[in-house]
Each structure stands twice: as structure tokens, then as C-alpha cells.
Amino acid sequence: MVIGLMGSGKTTAGRLIGEALGLEFSDSDPFLKARYGGTAAQIAAREGAATLHLYEAEHVLLELAGPPKVIAAAASTVEDPEVRAAMRSAFVVWVDAPDKVLAERMRSSDHRPDFDPAAMRARRGGYFREVADTVCDVSELTPEQVRDAVVRDMGASTCDRG
């Protein structure tokens, strides 16, 4: 499972990890679009952030209950105690970067709701630390380096054990 704040590269790293492990990849963005007819930003605007977060938690719980796969989980999911408990059955990689880097990346896509990385880190950082098996700084590591580190026995020298 890949977790992190918006803009951290969960989708890119998750896809690469899935390919390397021969596992299906599941991302919250396509799940939301297929099941609820919109992007995270559209759902948040239409139904509110609380409903969006319920849908994002549903994605993780459904995927963890199914066959093994690499899951890119929306950042909000770590706030849900049921989801955090379910994550204990998975190897969890926290992809992270400084707030300035994440803010710049978030500006590059209109499918993301407009959230402040520093505020989200203050709110979710403790939960990320609680569930993460490995933390990778994506301002220093390429997605391929993250993949290689994770694949190497599901823990690696280029990532800090969380």
C-alpha cells in the first residue's frame, strides 16, 4: 500500500511497484470516477469533503479485502480508525516530500481538491507515521528508486524504516 499527501507521487510509485511485483494496481482516483462519477475535487464540491473521505476509505477497505494488490490510498484514509486497522495487514510505504514540493505538484493538476500541505501534514502526519513500514522522501528519490527500495525485500537501504 502506498500512502502520502496529495502530490507525493502515490500513483506513479504504486504503478511501478505493482508492475515490479506482478500485482494489480488500484488507485483511488479511477475508483472515485468509476463508482461516484467524479474526481476528488468534483465530489468534494458536490457532496462535501466528509462524503469524499468516506468514499476514499471505502476504496481502501474494499481493495484490502480482495486479492493482493498495490493500493494507492487517498491521504484522508489514514484518519479512519477502521482503515488504519486494516492497513496493518499490508506493507505500507509512505511517500513524502517537503510541503513546498507538494504544493508545487498539487498546482499541476485540476483533479485535486485545493488543500494546504502543511495543514494536511499537521492533521495526518501522526497517522502516516503510525501505519508506515517505510518512509521514502520523493524529493530525493525518483519513482524508480522508490520502487527498487520497496521491492528489495519490502524494505530498503534507500528508505528510512518508519
N, C-alpha and C. Protein backbone atom coordinates (compact mmCIF):
# COMPACT_ATOMS: atom_id res chain seq x y z
N MET A 1 0.84 -1.17 0.00
CA MET A 1 0.00 0.00 0.00
C MET A 1 0.89 1.23 0.00
N VAL A 2 0.49 2.24 -0.78
CA VAL A 2 1.23 3.48 -0.86
C VAL A 2 0.35 4.60 -0.31
N ILE A 3 0.89 5.33 0.68
CA ILE A 3 0.18 6.45 1.29
C ILE A 3 1.02 7.71 1.17
N GLY A 4 0.39 8.85 1.34
CA GLY A 4 1.09 10.12 1.33
C GLY A 4 0.13 11.24 1.04
N LEU A 5 0.60 12.45 1.23
CA LEU A 5 -0.21 13.62 0.93
C LEU A 5 -0.38 13.78 -0.57
N MET A 6 -1.36 14.58 -0.97
CA MET A 6 -1.57 14.85 -2.39
C MET A 6 -0.29 15.41 -2.99
N GLY A 7 0.03 14.94 -4.19
CA GLY A 7 1.21 15.41 -4.88
C GLY A 7 2.48 14.64 -4.56
N SER A 8 2.38 13.64 -3.69
CA SER A 8 3.59 12.90 -3.30
C SER A 8 4.00 11.82 -4.29
N GLY A 9 3.16 11.53 -5.25
CA GLY A 9 3.51 10.53 -6.26
C GLY A 9 3.05 9.12 -5.94
N LYS A 10 1.97 9.00 -5.18
CA LYS A 10 1.45 7.68 -4.83
C LYS A 10 1.11 6.85 -6.07
N THR A 11 0.48 7.48 -7.03
CA THR A 11 0.07 6.76 -8.24
C THR A 11 1.29 6.28 -9.03
N THR A 12 2.23 7.16 -9.25
CA THR A 12 3.42 6.79 -10.03
C THR A 12 4.20 5.68 -9.34
N ALA A 13 4.50 5.87 -8.06
CA ALA A 13 5.25 4.84 -7.32
C ALA A 13 4.45 3.54 -7.24
N GLY A 14 3.17 3.65 -6.96
CA GLY A 14 2.33 2.46 -6.84
C GLY A 14 2.27 1.64 -8.11
N ARG A 15 2.12 2.32 -9.23
CA ARG A 15 2.11 1.62 -10.53
C ARG A 15 3.41 0.86 -10.75
N LEU A 16 4.52 1.54 -10.50
CA LEU A 16 5.83 0.90 -10.69
C LEU A 16 6.03 -0.29 -9.74
N ILE A 17 5.62 -0.14 -8.50
CA ILE A 17 5.73 -1.24 -7.53
C ILE A 17 4.86 -2.41 -7.96
N GLY A 18 3.64 -2.12 -8.38
CA GLY A 18 2.74 -3.17 -8.84
C GLY A 18 3.32 -3.94 -10.02
N GLU A 19 3.85 -3.21 -11.00
CA GLU A 19 4.46 -3.86 -12.17
C GLU A 19 5.63 -4.74 -11.74
N ALA A 20 6.46 -4.23 -10.86
CA ALA A 20 7.64 -5.00 -10.42
C ALA A 20 7.25 -6.25 -9.66
N LEU A 21 6.18 -6.19 -8.90
CA LEU A 21 5.74 -7.34 -8.10
C LEU A 21 4.75 -8.23 -8.84
N GLY A 22 4.34 -7.83 -10.03
CA GLY A 22 3.35 -8.60 -10.78
C GLY A 22 1.98 -8.55 -10.14
N LEU A 23 1.67 -7.42 -9.51
CA LEU A 23 0.38 -7.26 -8.83
C LEU A 23 -0.45 -6.18 -9.51
N GLU A 24 -1.75 -6.36 -9.47
CA GLU A 24 -2.67 -5.33 -9.95
C GLU A 24 -2.47 -4.06 -9.12
N PHE A 25 -2.72 -2.93 -9.75
CA PHE A 25 -2.63 -1.64 -9.07
C PHE A 25 -4.01 -1.02 -8.98
N SER A 26 -4.33 -0.49 -7.81
CA SER A 26 -5.62 0.17 -7.60
C SER A 26 -5.39 1.56 -7.02
N ASP A 27 -5.96 2.55 -7.66
CA ASP A 27 -5.80 3.94 -7.27
C ASP A 27 -7.16 4.54 -6.94
N SER A 28 -7.20 5.40 -5.95
CA SER A 28 -8.47 5.99 -5.53
C SER A 28 -9.09 6.86 -6.61
N ASP A 29 -8.29 7.55 -7.42
CA ASP A 29 -8.86 8.46 -8.42
C ASP A 29 -9.74 7.73 -9.44
N PRO A 30 -9.26 6.67 -10.10
CA PRO A 30 -10.15 5.94 -11.02
C PRO A 30 -11.34 5.29 -10.30
N PHE A 31 -11.12 4.83 -9.07
CA PHE A 31 -12.21 4.25 -8.28
C PHE A 31 -13.32 5.28 -8.10
N LEU A 32 -12.97 6.49 -7.69
CA LEU A 32 -13.96 7.54 -7.46
C LEU A 32 -14.70 7.89 -8.75
N LYS A 33 -13.95 7.99 -9.83
CA LYS A 33 -14.54 8.35 -11.12
C LYS A 33 -15.54 7.29 -11.57
N ALA A 34 -15.13 6.01 -11.47
CA ALA A 34 -15.99 4.91 -11.92
C ALA A 34 -17.21 4.73 -11.01
N ARG A 35 -16.99 4.81 -9.72
CA ARG A 35 -18.07 4.48 -8.79
C ARG A 35 -18.96 5.67 -8.46
N TYR A 36 -18.38 6.88 -8.42
CA TYR A 36 -19.14 8.05 -7.97
C TYR A 36 -19.18 9.17 -9.00
N GLY A 37 -18.67 8.92 -10.19
CA GLY A 37 -18.84 9.84 -11.29
C GLY A 37 -18.12 11.17 -11.19
N GLY A 38 -16.97 11.18 -10.54
CA GLY A 38 -16.24 12.44 -10.49
C GLY A 38 -14.86 12.30 -9.89
N THR A 39 -14.09 13.36 -10.03
CA THR A 39 -12.78 13.42 -9.40
C THR A 39 -12.96 13.75 -7.93
N ALA A 40 -11.88 13.65 -7.17
CA ALA A 40 -11.94 14.02 -5.76
C ALA A 40 -12.43 15.46 -5.60
N ALA A 41 -11.90 16.37 -6.42
CA ALA A 41 -12.31 17.78 -6.34
C ALA A 41 -13.79 17.94 -6.66
N GLN A 42 -14.27 17.24 -7.68
CA GLN A 42 -15.68 17.34 -8.06
C GLN A 42 -16.59 16.79 -6.96
N ILE A 43 -16.21 15.65 -6.40
CA ILE A 43 -17.03 15.04 -5.34
C ILE A 43 -17.03 15.93 -4.10
N ALA A 44 -15.86 16.47 -3.74
CA ALA A 44 -15.80 17.37 -2.58
C ALA A 44 -16.70 18.58 -2.79
N ALA A 45 -16.69 19.15 -3.99
CA ALA A 45 -17.53 20.32 -4.28
C ALA A 45 -19.01 19.95 -4.29
N ARG A 46 -19.32 18.78 -4.82
CA ARG A 46 -20.70 18.35 -4.98
C ARG A 46 -21.31 17.82 -3.69
N GLU A 47 -20.53 17.00 -2.94
CA GLU A 47 -21.10 16.29 -1.80
C GLU A 47 -20.43 16.62 -0.47
N GLY A 48 -19.34 17.36 -0.52
CA GLY A 48 -18.62 17.74 0.69
C GLY A 48 -17.43 16.83 0.95
N ALA A 49 -16.47 17.38 1.69
CA ALA A 49 -15.24 16.65 1.98
C ALA A 49 -15.50 15.41 2.81
N ALA A 50 -16.43 15.47 3.74
CA ALA A 50 -16.70 14.30 4.59
C ALA A 50 -17.17 13.10 3.77
N THR A 51 -18.03 13.35 2.80
CA THR A 51 -18.51 12.26 1.93
C THR A 51 -17.37 11.74 1.06
N LEU A 52 -16.58 12.65 0.51
CA LEU A 52 -15.42 12.23 -0.27
C LEU A 52 -14.54 11.30 0.54
N HIS A 53 -14.27 11.66 1.78
CA HIS A 53 -13.40 10.84 2.63
C HIS A 53 -14.01 9.47 2.92
N LEU A 54 -15.32 9.39 3.05
CA LEU A 54 -15.98 8.08 3.20
C LEU A 54 -15.77 7.22 1.96
N TYR A 55 -15.89 7.83 0.78
CA TYR A 55 -15.69 7.10 -0.47
C TYR A 55 -14.24 6.63 -0.59
N GLU A 56 -13.30 7.47 -0.18
CA GLU A 56 -11.89 7.10 -0.26
C GLU A 56 -11.57 5.96 0.71
N ALA A 57 -12.16 5.99 1.90
CA ALA A 57 -11.98 4.89 2.86
C ALA A 57 -12.58 3.60 2.31
N GLU A 58 -13.73 3.71 1.67
CA GLU A 58 -14.37 2.54 1.07
C GLU A 58 -13.45 1.88 0.06
N HIS A 59 -12.77 2.69 -0.74
CA HIS A 59 -11.83 2.16 -1.73
C HIS A 59 -10.79 1.27 -1.07
N VAL A 60 -10.14 1.78 -0.01
CA VAL A 60 -9.07 1.03 0.64
C VAL A 60 -9.63 -0.25 1.27
N LEU A 61 -10.74 -0.16 1.97
CA LEU A 61 -11.30 -1.33 2.64
C LEU A 61 -11.71 -2.41 1.64
N LEU A 62 -12.32 -2.02 0.54
CA LEU A 62 -12.70 -2.99 -0.50
C LEU A 62 -11.47 -3.67 -1.09
N GLU A 63 -10.46 -2.89 -1.39
CA GLU A 63 -9.27 -3.46 -2.03
C GLU A 63 -8.47 -4.33 -1.07
N LEU A 64 -8.37 -3.94 0.19
CA LEU A 64 -7.65 -4.78 1.16
C LEU A 64 -8.37 -6.10 1.42
N ALA A 65 -9.67 -6.12 1.23
CA ALA A 65 -10.45 -7.34 1.44
C ALA A 65 -10.34 -8.30 0.25
N GLY A 66 -9.82 -7.82 -0.86
CA GLY A 66 -9.72 -8.65 -2.06
C GLY A 66 -8.36 -9.29 -2.20
N PRO A 67 -8.08 -9.77 -3.41
CA PRO A 67 -6.77 -10.40 -3.67
C PRO A 67 -5.64 -9.38 -3.50
N PRO A 68 -4.42 -9.86 -3.27
CA PRO A 68 -3.29 -8.95 -3.09
C PRO A 68 -3.11 -8.01 -4.28
N LYS A 69 -2.83 -6.77 -3.97
CA LYS A 69 -2.57 -5.76 -5.00
C LYS A 69 -1.85 -4.60 -4.36
N VAL A 70 -1.35 -3.71 -5.18
CA VAL A 70 -0.75 -2.47 -4.69
C VAL A 70 -1.84 -1.41 -4.74
N ILE A 71 -2.05 -0.74 -3.63
CA ILE A 71 -3.13 0.23 -3.49
C ILE A 71 -2.53 1.61 -3.22
N ALA A 72 -2.94 2.59 -4.02
CA ALA A 72 -2.60 3.98 -3.73
C ALA A 72 -3.80 4.56 -2.99
N ALA A 73 -3.61 4.82 -1.70
CA ALA A 73 -4.70 5.27 -0.84
C ALA A 73 -4.71 6.79 -0.73
N ALA A 74 -5.89 7.37 -0.81
CA ALA A 74 -6.02 8.81 -0.61
C ALA A 74 -5.54 9.16 0.80
N ALA A 75 -4.97 10.33 0.94
CA ALA A 75 -4.40 10.76 2.22
C ALA A 75 -5.41 10.73 3.36
N SER A 76 -6.65 11.04 3.05
CA SER A 76 -7.69 11.10 4.10
C SER A 76 -7.93 9.77 4.79
N THR A 77 -7.60 8.68 4.12
CA THR A 77 -7.96 7.36 4.65
C THR A 77 -7.29 7.05 5.98
N VAL A 78 -6.13 7.64 6.24
CA VAL A 78 -5.43 7.36 7.50
C VAL A 78 -6.14 7.93 8.70
N GLU A 79 -7.09 8.82 8.49
CA GLU A 79 -7.85 9.39 9.60
C GLU A 79 -8.91 8.42 10.12
N ASP A 80 -9.24 7.42 9.35
CA ASP A 80 -10.29 6.47 9.71
C ASP A 80 -9.68 5.31 10.49
N PRO A 81 -10.09 5.11 11.75
CA PRO A 81 -9.50 4.03 12.56
C PRO A 81 -9.69 2.64 11.96
N GLU A 82 -10.80 2.41 11.30
CA GLU A 82 -11.05 1.11 10.66
C GLU A 82 -10.06 0.88 9.53
N VAL A 83 -9.79 1.92 8.77
CA VAL A 83 -8.84 1.79 7.66
C VAL A 83 -7.42 1.57 8.22
N ARG A 84 -7.05 2.34 9.25
CA ARG A 84 -5.71 2.15 9.84
C ARG A 84 -5.56 0.73 10.36
N ALA A 85 -6.59 0.19 10.98
CA ALA A 85 -6.52 -1.19 11.48
C ALA A 85 -6.36 -2.17 10.31
N ALA A 86 -7.09 -1.93 9.23
CA ALA A 86 -6.99 -2.81 8.06
C ALA A 86 -5.62 -2.72 7.40
N MET A 87 -5.00 -1.55 7.47
CA MET A 87 -3.67 -1.36 6.86
C MET A 87 -2.60 -2.19 7.55
N ARG A 88 -2.86 -2.63 8.75
CA ARG A 88 -1.87 -3.44 9.47
C ARG A 88 -1.57 -4.75 8.76
N SER A 89 -2.49 -5.18 7.90
CA SER A 89 -2.28 -6.43 7.16
C SER A 89 -1.44 -6.20 5.90
N ALA A 90 -1.11 -4.96 5.60
CA ALA A 90 -0.39 -4.62 4.37
C ALA A 90 0.99 -4.06 4.71
N PHE A 91 1.87 -4.10 3.72
CA PHE A 91 3.15 -3.39 3.83
C PHE A 91 2.88 -1.98 3.33
N VAL A 92 3.10 -0.98 4.19
CA VAL A 92 2.70 0.39 3.88
C VAL A 92 3.94 1.26 3.65
N VAL A 93 3.96 1.89 2.48
CA VAL A 93 5.03 2.79 2.08
C VAL A 93 4.49 4.21 2.12
N TRP A 94 5.11 5.07 2.91
CA TRP A 94 4.74 6.48 2.96
C TRP A 94 5.68 7.24 2.05
N VAL A 95 5.15 7.75 0.93
CA VAL A 95 5.93 8.62 0.06
C VAL A 95 5.67 10.05 0.50
N ASP A 96 6.76 10.77 0.75
CA ASP A 96 6.64 12.09 1.34
C ASP A 96 7.64 13.04 0.70
N ALA A 97 7.41 14.32 0.88
CA ALA A 97 8.31 15.37 0.40
C ALA A 97 8.01 16.63 1.21
N PRO A 98 8.92 17.59 1.20
CA PRO A 98 8.65 18.85 1.89
C PRO A 98 7.37 19.51 1.36
N ASP A 99 6.71 20.27 2.22
CA ASP A 99 5.44 20.91 1.86
C ASP A 99 5.55 21.76 0.59
N LYS A 100 6.66 22.46 0.42
CA LYS A 100 6.84 23.32 -0.76
C LYS A 100 6.80 22.49 -2.04
N VAL A 101 7.43 21.33 -2.02
CA VAL A 101 7.45 20.44 -3.18
C VAL A 101 6.03 19.93 -3.46
N LEU A 102 5.33 19.52 -2.41
CA LEU A 102 3.97 19.01 -2.59
C LEU A 102 3.03 20.10 -3.10
N ALA A 103 3.17 21.31 -2.58
CA ALA A 103 2.31 22.42 -3.03
C ALA A 103 2.51 22.68 -4.52
N GLU A 104 3.74 22.64 -4.97
CA GLU A 104 4.02 22.85 -6.39
C GLU A 104 3.41 21.73 -7.23
N ARG A 105 3.55 20.52 -6.79
CA ARG A 105 2.98 19.38 -7.53
C ARG A 105 1.46 19.45 -7.56
N MET A 106 0.85 19.88 -6.48
CA MET A 106 -0.62 19.96 -6.42
C MET A 106 -1.16 20.98 -7.41
N ARG A 107 -0.42 22.03 -7.68
CA ARG A 107 -0.86 23.05 -8.63
C ARG A 107 -0.91 22.51 -10.06
N SER A 108 -0.24 21.39 -10.30
CA SER A 108 -0.13 20.87 -11.67
C SER A 108 -1.34 20.07 -12.12
N SER A 109 -2.33 19.88 -11.26
CA SER A 109 -3.47 19.03 -11.64
C SER A 109 -4.77 19.60 -11.11
N ASP A 110 -5.79 19.61 -11.98
CA ASP A 110 -7.07 20.16 -11.55
C ASP A 110 -8.00 19.11 -10.94
N HIS A 111 -7.56 17.85 -10.87
CA HIS A 111 -8.43 16.83 -10.28
C HIS A 111 -8.31 16.79 -8.77
N ARG A 112 -7.37 17.56 -8.22
CA ARG A 112 -7.15 17.53 -6.77
C ARG A 112 -7.89 18.67 -6.09
N PRO A 113 -8.52 18.38 -4.95
CA PRO A 113 -9.12 19.48 -4.19
C PRO A 113 -8.01 20.44 -3.74
N ASP A 114 -8.36 21.67 -3.46
CA ASP A 114 -7.38 22.68 -3.06
C ASP A 114 -7.12 22.60 -1.56
N PHE A 115 -6.13 21.80 -1.16
CA PHE A 115 -5.77 21.64 0.24
C PHE A 115 -4.35 22.11 0.47
N ASP A 116 -4.07 22.62 1.64
CA ASP A 116 -2.75 23.10 2.02
C ASP A 116 -1.93 21.95 2.60
N PRO A 117 -0.75 21.64 2.01
CA PRO A 117 0.05 20.51 2.51
C PRO A 117 0.43 20.63 3.98
N ALA A 118 0.79 21.83 4.45
CA ALA A 118 1.20 21.98 5.85
C ALA A 118 0.04 21.66 6.79
N ALA A 119 -1.15 22.11 6.44
CA ALA A 119 -2.33 21.82 7.26
C ALA A 119 -2.65 20.33 7.24
N MET A 120 -2.54 19.72 6.07
CA MET A 120 -2.83 18.29 5.96
C MET A 120 -1.77 17.46 6.69
N ARG A 121 -0.51 17.88 6.64
CA ARG A 121 0.55 17.17 7.36
C ARG A 121 0.30 17.26 8.87
N ALA A 122 -0.10 18.44 9.36
CA ALA A 122 -0.37 18.62 10.78
C ALA A 122 -1.52 17.70 11.21
N ARG A 123 -2.48 17.53 10.33
CA ARG A 123 -3.66 16.72 10.64
C ARG A 123 -3.40 15.22 10.50
N ARG A 124 -2.58 14.83 9.52
CA ARG A 124 -2.45 13.41 9.18
C ARG A 124 -1.07 12.82 9.43
N GLY A 125 -0.07 13.64 9.69
CA GLY A 125 1.30 13.15 9.83
C GLY A 125 1.46 12.07 10.87
N GLY A 126 0.83 12.22 12.02
CA GLY A 126 0.92 11.21 13.07
C GLY A 126 0.34 9.88 12.63
N TYR A 127 -0.74 9.93 11.89
CA TYR A 127 -1.35 8.69 11.38
C TYR A 127 -0.45 8.02 10.34
N PHE A 128 0.16 8.84 9.45
CA PHE A 128 1.08 8.27 8.48
C PHE A 128 2.21 7.54 9.20
N ARG A 129 2.78 8.18 10.22
CA ARG A 129 3.88 7.55 10.98
C ARG A 129 3.39 6.26 11.65
N GLU A 130 2.17 6.26 12.14
CA GLU A 130 1.62 5.09 12.83
C GLU A 130 1.54 3.87 11.92
N VAL A 131 1.13 4.06 10.67
CA VAL A 131 0.88 2.91 9.79
C VAL A 131 2.03 2.57 8.86
N ALA A 132 2.97 3.49 8.67
CA ALA A 132 4.03 3.28 7.68
C ALA A 132 5.06 2.27 8.13
N ASP A 133 5.38 1.35 7.24
CA ASP A 133 6.50 0.44 7.44
C ASP A 133 7.79 1.06 6.92
N THR A 134 7.68 1.88 5.89
CA THR A 134 8.82 2.53 5.25
C THR A 134 8.42 3.94 4.85
N VAL A 135 9.36 4.89 4.97
CA VAL A 135 9.14 6.26 4.53
C VAL A 135 10.17 6.60 3.46
N CYS A 136 9.72 7.07 2.31
CA CYS A 136 10.61 7.45 1.21
C CYS A 136 10.39 8.93 0.88
N ASP A 137 11.47 9.69 0.88
CA ASP A 137 11.42 11.12 0.54
C ASP A 137 11.51 11.25 -0.97
N VAL A 138 10.38 11.57 -1.59
CA VAL A 138 10.33 11.62 -3.06
C VAL A 138 10.89 12.92 -3.61
N SER A 139 11.35 13.81 -2.73
CA SER A 139 12.10 14.97 -3.24
C SER A 139 13.55 14.58 -3.47
N GLU A 140 13.96 13.44 -2.91
CA GLU A 140 15.32 12.93 -3.09
C GLU A 140 15.38 11.67 -3.93
N LEU A 141 14.30 10.89 -3.93
CA LEU A 141 14.27 9.62 -4.67
C LEU A 141 13.35 9.73 -5.88
N THR A 142 13.77 9.16 -7.00
CA THR A 142 12.89 9.06 -8.17
C THR A 142 11.85 7.98 -7.91
N PRO A 143 10.77 7.97 -8.67
CA PRO A 143 9.80 6.89 -8.52
C PRO A 143 10.44 5.51 -8.71
N GLU A 144 11.39 5.41 -9.62
CA GLU A 144 12.07 4.12 -9.84
C GLU A 144 12.91 3.72 -8.63
N GLN A 145 13.53 4.69 -7.98
CA GLN A 145 14.29 4.39 -6.76
C GLN A 145 13.36 3.97 -5.63
N VAL A 146 12.20 4.58 -5.55
CA VAL A 146 11.20 4.17 -4.55
C VAL A 146 10.80 2.72 -4.82
N ARG A 147 10.48 2.43 -6.07
CA ARG A 147 10.11 1.06 -6.46
C ARG A 147 11.20 0.08 -6.07
N ASP A 148 12.43 0.38 -6.43
CA ASP A 148 13.52 -0.54 -6.17
C ASP A 148 13.71 -0.76 -4.67
N ALA A 149 13.57 0.30 -3.91
CA ALA A 149 13.73 0.20 -2.46
C ALA A 149 12.64 -0.66 -1.84
N VAL A 150 11.43 -0.46 -2.30
CA VAL A 150 10.30 -1.23 -1.75
C VAL A 150 10.38 -2.69 -2.15
N VAL A 151 10.69 -2.93 -3.41
CA VAL A 151 10.75 -4.30 -3.90
C VAL A 151 11.86 -5.09 -3.21
N ARG A 152 12.94 -4.45 -2.91
CA ARG A 152 14.06 -5.12 -2.25
C ARG A 152 13.59 -5.57 -0.87
N ASP A 153 13.02 -6.75 -0.84
CA ASP A 153 12.53 -7.38 0.39
C ASP A 153 11.53 -6.53 1.17
N MET A 154 10.80 -5.70 0.48
CA MET A 154 9.77 -4.87 1.11
C MET A 154 10.32 -4.02 2.25
N GLY A 155 11.52 -3.50 2.03
CA GLY A 155 12.20 -2.58 2.94
C GLY A 155 13.56 -2.35 2.35
N ALA A 156 14.17 -1.17 2.55
CA ALA A 156 15.39 -0.96 1.81
C ALA A 156 16.31 0.05 2.45
N SER A 157 17.53 0.03 1.97
CA SER A 157 18.55 0.94 2.49
C SER A 157 18.35 2.37 2.06
N THR A 158 17.65 2.60 0.92
CA THR A 158 17.44 3.98 0.48
C THR A 158 16.20 4.61 1.08
N CYS A 159 15.45 3.85 1.84
CA CYS A 159 14.28 4.38 2.55
C CYS A 159 14.56 4.26 4.04
N ASP A 160 13.98 5.14 4.80
CA ASP A 160 14.11 5.07 6.26
C ASP A 160 13.00 4.20 6.80
N ARG A 161 13.35 3.24 7.63
CA ARG A 161 12.31 2.42 8.26
C ARG A 161 11.46 3.32 9.13
N GLY A 162 10.13 3.21 8.94
CA GLY A 162 9.19 4.08 9.67
C GLY A 162 8.81 3.56 11.01
